[in-house]
Amino acid sequence: MDRSLADVENRVADHVEAYRESAPFYPVEAEAIESLSDAFRAGEYGKRDVEWVVRWYFRRAVTDIDHEERRAVEEAVSDVEPRELRGAMWDAIDALDGEAGDPSHHHALDALTGIPGVDAAVASALLWFLDPDAYFVVGEREWAVVAALTGDSAPGPGPDLDGSYPEPMTVDAYDRYLDAVGGLSDRLDVDHWHLYMVIRSVYAEAFEGKAVEGES
């Protein structure tokens, strides 16, 4: 990726606006970021809300979706009994609220990956919507941008992140990624939701050739 951290830092607002204008799921995402965490913690949600997060994780890519994997995961989650699903979510919430010891998100990931079909990467999406200020969704696109902006070849905030996306995602790899995300968020002076928009816009521009408005 030929974008430097300084380039991104100087154009944060442009990237956020580009994402808002181009991302097909932006309105629904924005609403979910605002409301799902409180709904999950209050128990005021249905099975479809959890299923929506899982569907969103795969379908936000729009292109290059592994439909076989997507269908397998979505169907596995759809087949889970509502009581089992809510139990896993409550266990994750209890962990994040400090009732399962430290590090709390490790216990939360354990609970979420106990849902049939859900691995650590998909669980990161559920974790993010449970607490969007503290955690962050991980996927190949997010990893690629964060690694490029914080790795050895681009000294910046946080620890170095290897450019190779882990397959499968592990808790240790997610921890390294989360540390790098935190440093990047601080450097760019944005919260995690705005950082997500920046990262997705940078990826589209750098890897898919979709220029941000104002760029040639």
C-alpha atoms as a PDB file:
ATOM      1  CA  MET A   1       0.000   0.000   0.000  1.00  0.00           C
ATOM      2  CA  ASP A   2       1.482   3.333  -1.034  1.00  0.00           C
ATOM      3  CA  ARG A   3      -0.486   5.458   1.442  1.00  0.00           C
ATOM      4  CA  SER A   4       1.542   6.720   4.395  1.00  0.00           C
ATOM      5  CA  LEU A   5       0.246   7.389   7.874  1.00  0.00           C
ATOM      6  CA  ALA A   6       0.820  11.106   7.271  1.00  0.00           C
ATOM      7  CA  ASP A   7      -1.264  10.941   4.081  1.00  0.00           C
ATOM      8  CA  VAL A   8      -4.137   9.343   5.931  1.00  0.00           C
ATOM      9  CA  GLU A   9      -3.808  11.681   8.901  1.00  0.00           C
ATOM     10  CA  ASN A  10      -4.128  14.711   6.611  1.00  0.00           C
ATOM     11  CA  ARG A  11      -7.266  13.377   4.942  1.00  0.00           C
ATOM     12  CA  VAL A  12      -9.284  11.792   7.738  1.00  0.00           C
ATOM     13  CA  ALA A  13     -12.376  13.895   7.054  1.00  0.00           C
ATOM     14  CA  ASP A  14     -12.207  13.099   3.316  1.00  0.00           C
ATOM     15  CA  HIS A  15     -12.059   9.374   4.011  1.00  0.00           C
ATOM     16  CA  VAL A  16     -14.975   9.508   6.431  1.00  0.00           C
ATOM     17  CA  GLU A  17     -17.090  11.431   3.924  1.00  0.00           C
ATOM     18  CA  ALA A  18     -16.122   9.066   1.099  1.00  0.00           C
ATOM     19  CA  TYR A  19     -17.246   6.107   3.167  1.00  0.00           C
ATOM     20  CA  ARG A  20     -20.537   7.739   4.096  1.00  0.00           C
ATOM     21  CA  GLU A  21     -21.281   8.455   0.445  1.00  0.00           C
ATOM     22  CA  SER A  22     -20.236   5.117  -1.010  1.00  0.00           C
ATOM     23  CA  ALA A  23     -20.760   2.345   1.556  1.00  0.00           C
ATOM     24  CA  PRO A  24     -24.064   0.575   0.839  1.00  0.00           C
ATOM     25  CA  PHE A  25     -24.650  -0.402   4.465  1.00  0.00           C
ATOM     26  CA  TYR A  26     -23.610   2.910   6.054  1.00  0.00           C
ATOM     27  CA  PRO A  27     -27.064   4.059   7.303  1.00  0.00           C
ATOM     28  CA  VAL A  28     -27.803   0.698   8.921  1.00  0.00           C
ATOM     29  CA  GLU A  29     -24.280   0.399  10.335  1.00  0.00           C
ATOM     30  CA  ALA A  30     -24.447   3.853  11.871  1.00  0.00           C
ATOM     31  CA  GLU A  31     -27.746   3.048  13.558  1.00  0.00           C
ATOM     32  CA  ALA A  32     -26.441  -0.306  14.810  1.00  0.00           C
ATOM     33  CA  ILE A  33     -23.300   1.256  16.276  1.00  0.00           C
ATOM     34  CA  GLU A  34     -25.502   3.692  18.179  1.00  0.00           C
ATOM     35  CA  SER A  35     -28.105   1.244  19.428  1.00  0.00           C
ATOM     36  CA  LEU A  36     -27.029  -2.406  19.520  1.00  0.00           C
ATOM     37  CA  SER A  37     -24.690  -2.236  22.501  1.00  0.00           C
ATOM     38  CA  ASP A  38     -27.417  -0.875  24.781  1.00  0.00           C
ATOM     39  CA  ALA A  39     -29.985  -3.272  23.334  1.00  0.00           C
ATOM     40  CA  PHE A  40     -27.753  -6.300  23.890  1.00  0.00           C
ATOM     41  CA  ARG A  41     -26.991  -5.275  27.464  1.00  0.00           C
ATOM     42  CA  ALA A  42     -30.640  -4.621  28.240  1.00  0.00           C
ATOM     43  CA  GLY A  43     -31.698  -7.906  26.672  1.00  0.00           C
ATOM     44  CA  GLU A  44     -33.942  -5.931  24.330  1.00  0.00           C
ATOM     45  CA  TYR A  45     -33.015  -7.743  21.154  1.00  0.00           C
ATOM     46  CA  GLY A  46     -34.052 -10.739  19.141  1.00  0.00           C
ATOM     47  CA  LYS A  47     -32.191 -13.549  17.471  1.00  0.00           C
ATOM     48  CA  ARG A  48     -32.331 -11.640  14.205  1.00  0.00           C
ATOM     49  CA  ASP A  49     -30.167  -8.869  15.669  1.00  0.00           C
ATOM     50  CA  VAL A  50     -27.348 -11.323  16.330  1.00  0.00           C
ATOM     51  CA  GLU A  51     -27.878 -12.861  12.907  1.00  0.00           C
ATOM     52  CA  TRP A  52     -27.703  -9.383  11.367  1.00  0.00           C
ATOM     53  CA  VAL A  53     -24.203  -8.830  12.806  1.00  0.00           C
ATOM     54  CA  VAL A  54     -23.059 -12.157  11.380  1.00  0.00           C
ATOM     55  CA  ARG A  55     -24.534 -11.369   7.956  1.00  0.00           C
ATOM     56  CA  TRP A  56     -23.018  -7.899   8.055  1.00  0.00           C
ATOM     57  CA  TYR A  57     -19.571  -9.317   8.769  1.00  0.00           C
ATOM     58  CA  PHE A  58     -19.516 -11.162   5.464  1.00  0.00           C
ATOM     59  CA  ARG A  59     -21.702  -9.051   3.204  1.00  0.00           C
ATOM     60  CA  ARG A  60     -20.045  -5.683   3.917  1.00  0.00           C
ATOM     61  CA  ALA A  61     -17.238  -6.819   1.589  1.00  0.00           C
ATOM     62  CA  VAL A  62     -19.751  -6.558  -1.293  1.00  0.00           C
ATOM     63  CA  THR A  63     -17.218  -8.168  -3.649  1.00  0.00           C
ATOM     64  CA  ASP A  64     -14.848 -11.087  -3.160  1.00  0.00           C
ATOM     65  CA  ILE A  65     -17.217 -12.787  -0.741  1.00  0.00           C
ATOM     66  CA  ASP A  66     -16.626 -16.457  -0.055  1.00  0.00           C
ATOM     67  CA  HIS A  67     -20.290 -17.370  -0.428  1.00  0.00           C
ATOM     68  CA  GLU A  68     -19.769 -20.966   0.608  1.00  0.00           C
ATOM     69  CA  GLU A  69     -18.217 -19.899   3.908  1.00  0.00           C
ATOM     70  CA  ARG A  70     -20.801 -17.159   4.370  1.00  0.00           C
ATOM     71  CA  ARG A  71     -23.725 -19.492   3.867  1.00  0.00           C
ATOM     72  CA  ALA A  72     -22.240 -22.130   6.175  1.00  0.00           C
ATOM     73  CA  VAL A  73     -21.756 -19.652   9.015  1.00  0.00           C
ATOM     74  CA  GLU A  74     -25.087 -17.895   8.536  1.00  0.00           C
ATOM     75  CA  GLU A  75     -26.963 -21.200   8.438  1.00  0.00           C
ATOM     76  CA  ALA A  76     -25.149 -22.522  11.520  1.00  0.00           C
ATOM     77  CA  VAL A  77     -26.069 -19.405  13.512  1.00  0.00           C
ATOM     78  CA  SER A  78     -29.622 -19.476  12.182  1.00  0.00           C
ATOM     79  CA  ASP A  79     -30.028 -23.051  13.454  1.00  0.00           C
ATOM     80  CA  VAL A  80     -28.996 -22.167  17.021  1.00  0.00           C
ATOM     81  CA  GLU A  81     -31.782 -22.157  19.584  1.00  0.00           C
ATOM     82  CA  PRO A  82     -32.594 -18.614  20.776  1.00  0.00           C
ATOM     83  CA  ARG A  83     -31.906 -19.587  24.411  1.00  0.00           C
ATOM     84  CA  GLU A  84     -28.432 -20.871  23.513  1.00  0.00           C
ATOM     85  CA  LEU A  85     -27.664 -17.739  21.530  1.00  0.00           C
ATOM     86  CA  ARG A  86     -28.790 -15.420  24.302  1.00  0.00           C
ATOM     87  CA  GLY A  87     -26.810 -17.452  26.819  1.00  0.00           C
ATOM     88  CA  ALA A  88     -23.616 -16.959  24.832  1.00  0.00           C
ATOM     89  CA  MET A  89     -24.312 -13.235  24.515  1.00  0.00           C
ATOM     90  CA  TRP A  90     -24.984 -12.895  28.260  1.00  0.00           C
ATOM     91  CA  ASP A  91     -21.754 -14.761  29.039  1.00  0.00           C
ATOM     92  CA  ALA A  92     -19.856 -12.388  26.743  1.00  0.00           C
ATOM     93  CA  ILE A  93     -21.462  -9.339  28.353  1.00  0.00           C
ATOM     94  CA  ASP A  94     -20.668 -10.625  31.840  1.00  0.00           C
ATOM     95  CA  ALA A  95     -17.057 -11.108  30.770  1.00  0.00           C
ATOM     96  CA  LEU A  96     -16.781  -7.603  29.326  1.00  0.00           C
ATOM     97  CA  ASP A  97     -18.306  -6.170  32.487  1.00  0.00           C
ATOM     98  CA  GLY A  98     -15.540  -7.768  34.507  1.00  0.00           C
ATOM     99  CA  GLU A  99     -17.306 -10.751  36.018  1.00  0.00           C
ATOM    100  CA  ALA A 100     -15.103 -13.380  34.376  1.00  0.00           C
ATOM    101  CA  GLY A 101     -11.635 -12.080  35.210  1.00  0.00           C
ATOM    102  CA  ASP A 102      -8.975 -10.473  33.021  1.00  0.00           C
ATOM    103  CA  PRO A 103      -8.435 -10.065  30.187  1.00  0.00           C
ATOM    104  CA  SER A 104     -12.166  -9.736  29.902  1.00  0.00           C
ATOM    105  CA  HIS A 105     -12.424  -9.860  26.126  1.00  0.00           C
ATOM    106  CA  HIS A 106     -10.678 -13.245  26.044  1.00  0.00           C
ATOM    107  CA  HIS A 107     -13.530 -14.700  28.063  1.00  0.00           C
ATOM    108  CA  ALA A 108     -16.014 -12.868  25.856  1.00  0.00           C
ATOM    109  CA  LEU A 109     -14.440 -14.343  22.732  1.00  0.00           C
ATOM    110  CA  ASP A 110     -14.581 -17.788  24.334  1.00  0.00           C
ATOM    111  CA  ALA A 111     -18.306 -17.334  24.882  1.00  0.00           C
ATOM    112  CA  LEU A 112     -18.976 -15.996  21.393  1.00  0.00           C
ATOM    113  CA  THR A 113     -16.950 -18.661  19.601  1.00  0.00           C
ATOM    114  CA  GLY A 114     -19.068 -21.188  21.457  1.00  0.00           C
ATOM    115  CA  ILE A 115     -21.880 -20.226  19.092  1.00  0.00           C
ATOM    116  CA  PRO A 116     -21.932 -22.793  16.265  1.00  0.00           C
ATOM    117  CA  GLY A 117     -20.290 -21.425  13.116  1.00  0.00           C
ATOM    118  CA  VAL A 118     -18.682 -18.439  14.855  1.00  0.00           C
ATOM    119  CA  ASP A 119     -14.891 -18.233  14.821  1.00  0.00           C
ATOM    120  CA  ALA A 120     -12.672 -15.538  16.353  1.00  0.00           C
ATOM    121  CA  ALA A 121     -12.955 -13.250  13.333  1.00  0.00           C
ATOM    122  CA  VAL A 122     -16.758 -13.335  13.236  1.00  0.00           C
ATOM    123  CA  ALA A 123     -16.819 -13.055  17.030  1.00  0.00           C
ATOM    124  CA  SER A 124     -14.836  -9.820  16.733  1.00  0.00           C
ATOM    125  CA  ALA A 125     -17.837  -8.288  14.955  1.00  0.00           C
ATOM    126  CA  LEU A 126     -20.154  -9.266  17.797  1.00  0.00           C
ATOM    127  CA  LEU A 127     -17.566  -7.986  20.276  1.00  0.00           C
ATOM    128  CA  TRP A 128     -17.397  -4.656  18.463  1.00  0.00           C
ATOM    129  CA  PHE A 129     -21.155  -4.138  18.495  1.00  0.00           C
ATOM    130  CA  LEU A 130     -21.203  -5.090  22.181  1.00  0.00           C
ATOM    131  CA  ASP A 131     -18.663  -2.355  22.976  1.00  0.00           C
ATOM    132  CA  PRO A 132     -17.715  -0.268  19.924  1.00  0.00           C
ATOM    133  CA  ASP A 133     -15.491   2.094  21.902  1.00  0.00           C
ATOM    134  CA  ALA A 134     -13.249  -0.638  23.282  1.00  0.00           C
ATOM    135  CA  TYR A 135     -13.057  -3.283  20.564  1.00  0.00           C
ATOM    136  CA  PHE A 136     -12.846  -3.484  16.788  1.00  0.00           C
ATOM    137  CA  VAL A 137     -13.935  -5.838  14.051  1.00  0.00           C
ATOM    138  CA  VAL A 138     -11.145  -7.696  12.261  1.00  0.00           C
ATOM    139  CA  GLY A 139     -11.075  -8.947   8.688  1.00  0.00           C
ATOM    140  CA  GLU A 140      -8.558  -9.145   5.875  1.00  0.00           C
ATOM    141  CA  ARG A 141      -9.219  -5.582   4.697  1.00  0.00           C
ATOM    142  CA  GLU A 142      -8.969  -3.991   8.128  1.00  0.00           C
ATOM    143  CA  TRP A 143      -5.868  -6.008   8.928  1.00  0.00           C
ATOM    144  CA  ALA A 144      -4.168  -5.005   5.650  1.00  0.00           C
ATOM    145  CA  VAL A 145      -4.636  -1.280   6.250  1.00  0.00           C
ATOM    146  CA  VAL A 146      -3.747  -1.337   9.950  1.00  0.00           C
ATOM    147  CA  ALA A 147      -0.638  -3.421   9.227  1.00  0.00           C
ATOM    148  CA  ALA A 148       0.438  -1.100   6.419  1.00  0.00           C
ATOM    149  CA  LEU A 149       0.067   1.982   8.622  1.00  0.00           C
ATOM    150  CA  THR A 150       1.652   0.547  11.763  1.00  0.00           C
ATOM    151  CA  GLY A 151       4.103  -2.131  10.573  1.00  0.00           C
ATOM    152  CA  ASP A 152       7.880  -2.170  10.171  1.00  0.00           C
ATOM    153  CA  SER A 153       7.739  -0.524   6.762  1.00  0.00           C
ATOM    154  CA  ALA A 154       5.610   2.333   8.090  1.00  0.00           C
ATOM    155  CA  PRO A 155       6.708   3.270  11.606  1.00  0.00           C
ATOM    156  CA  GLY A 156       3.773   4.661  13.500  1.00  0.00           C
ATOM    157  CA  PRO A 157       1.614   4.196  16.563  1.00  0.00           C
ATOM    158  CA  GLY A 158       1.231   0.967  18.457  1.00  0.00           C
ATOM    159  CA  PRO A 159       3.155  -2.287  18.049  1.00  0.00           C
ATOM    160  CA  ASP A 160       4.253  -3.620  14.677  1.00  0.00           C
ATOM    161  CA  LEU A 161       1.624  -5.741  12.963  1.00  0.00           C
ATOM    162  CA  ASP A 162       2.635  -8.419  10.479  1.00  0.00           C
ATOM    163  CA  GLY A 163       1.181  -7.870   7.023  1.00  0.00           C
ATOM    164  CA  SER A 164      -0.002 -11.469   6.666  1.00  0.00           C
ATOM    165  CA  TYR A 165      -3.575 -11.986   7.784  1.00  0.00           C
ATOM    166  CA  PRO A 166      -3.753 -14.935  10.221  1.00  0.00           C
ATOM    167  CA  GLU A 167      -5.736 -17.924   8.994  1.00  0.00           C
ATOM    168  CA  PRO A 168      -7.397 -18.801  11.222  1.00  0.00           C
ATOM    169  CA  MET A 169      -7.613 -15.701  13.390  1.00  0.00           C
ATOM    170  CA  THR A 170      -6.324 -16.345  16.910  1.00  0.00           C
ATOM    171  CA  VAL A 171      -6.835 -14.532  20.183  1.00  0.00           C
ATOM    172  CA  ASP A 172      -3.144 -13.600  20.308  1.00  0.00           C
ATOM    173  CA  ALA A 173      -3.282 -12.172  16.789  1.00  0.00           C
ATOM    174  CA  TYR A 174      -6.459 -10.270  17.647  1.00  0.00           C
ATOM    175  CA  ASP A 175      -4.734  -8.805  20.709  1.00  0.00           C
ATOM    176  CA  ARG A 176      -1.837  -7.529  18.578  1.00  0.00           C
ATOM    177  CA  TYR A 177      -4.300  -6.099  16.100  1.00  0.00           C
ATOM    178  CA  LEU A 178      -6.363  -4.449  18.827  1.00  0.00           C
ATOM    179  CA  ASP A 179      -3.245  -2.790  20.262  1.00  0.00           C
ATOM    180  CA  ALA A 180      -2.321  -1.466  16.820  1.00  0.00           C
ATOM    181  CA  VAL A 181      -5.872  -0.224  16.275  1.00  0.00           C
ATOM    182  CA  GLY A 182      -5.761   1.635  19.586  1.00  0.00           C
ATOM    183  CA  GLY A 183      -2.540   3.381  18.649  1.00  0.00           C
ATOM    184  CA  LEU A 184      -3.873   4.283  15.226  1.00  0.00           C
ATOM    185  CA  SER A 185      -7.105   5.637  16.684  1.00  0.00           C
ATOM    186  CA  ASP A 186      -5.102   7.850  19.039  1.00  0.00           C
ATOM    187  CA  ARG A 187      -2.813   9.063  16.254  1.00  0.00           C
ATOM    188  CA  LEU A 188      -5.695   9.980  13.960  1.00  0.00           C
ATOM    189  CA  ASP A 189      -7.745  11.350  16.889  1.00  0.00           C
ATOM    190  CA  VAL A 190     -10.908   9.451  15.979  1.00  0.00           C
ATOM    191  CA  ASP A 191     -13.135   6.977  17.781  1.00  0.00           C
ATOM    192  CA  HIS A 192     -13.355   3.382  16.583  1.00  0.00           C
ATOM    193  CA  TRP A 193     -16.426   3.938  14.414  1.00  0.00           C
ATOM    194  CA  HIS A 194     -14.783   6.784  12.509  1.00  0.00           C
ATOM    195  CA  LEU A 195     -11.554   4.791  12.324  1.00  0.00           C
ATOM    196  CA  TYR A 196     -13.503   1.964  10.712  1.00  0.00           C
ATOM    197  CA  MET A 197     -14.817   4.339   8.051  1.00  0.00           C
ATOM    198  CA  VAL A 198     -11.312   5.674   7.430  1.00  0.00           C
ATOM    199  CA  ILE A 199      -9.828   2.181   7.141  1.00  0.00           C
ATOM    200  CA  ARG A 200     -12.487   0.973   4.710  1.00  0.00           C
ATOM    201  CA  SER A 201     -12.088   4.087   2.574  1.00  0.00           C
ATOM    202  CA  VAL A 202      -8.296   3.791   2.566  1.00  0.00           C
ATOM    203  CA  TYR A 203      -8.593   0.155   1.523  1.00  0.00           C
ATOM    204  CA  ALA A 204     -10.937   1.017  -1.352  1.00  0.00           C
ATOM    205  CA  GLU A 205      -8.611   3.773  -2.524  1.00  0.00           C
ATOM    206  CA  ALA A 206      -5.323   1.931  -2.140  1.00  0.00           C
ATOM    207  CA  PHE A 207      -6.277  -1.617  -3.094  1.00  0.00           C
ATOM    208  CA  GLU A 208      -9.327  -1.197  -5.313  1.00  0.00           C
ATOM    209  CA  GLY A 209      -8.428   2.056  -7.054  1.00  0.00           C
ATOM    210  CA  LYS A 210     -11.527   3.918  -5.859  1.00  0.00           C
ATOM    211  CA  ALA A 211     -10.220   7.428  -5.280  1.00  0.00           C
ATOM    212  CA  VAL A 212     -11.550   9.610  -2.505  1.00  0.00           C
ATOM    213  CA  GLU A 213     -13.267  12.719  -3.813  1.00  0.00           C
ATOM    214  CA  GLY A 214     -10.679  15.339  -4.741  1.00  0.00           C
ATOM    215  CA  GLU A 215      -8.085  12.759  -5.719  1.00  0.00           C
ATOM    216  CA  SER A 216      -7.222  12.008  -9.325  1.00  0.00           C
END
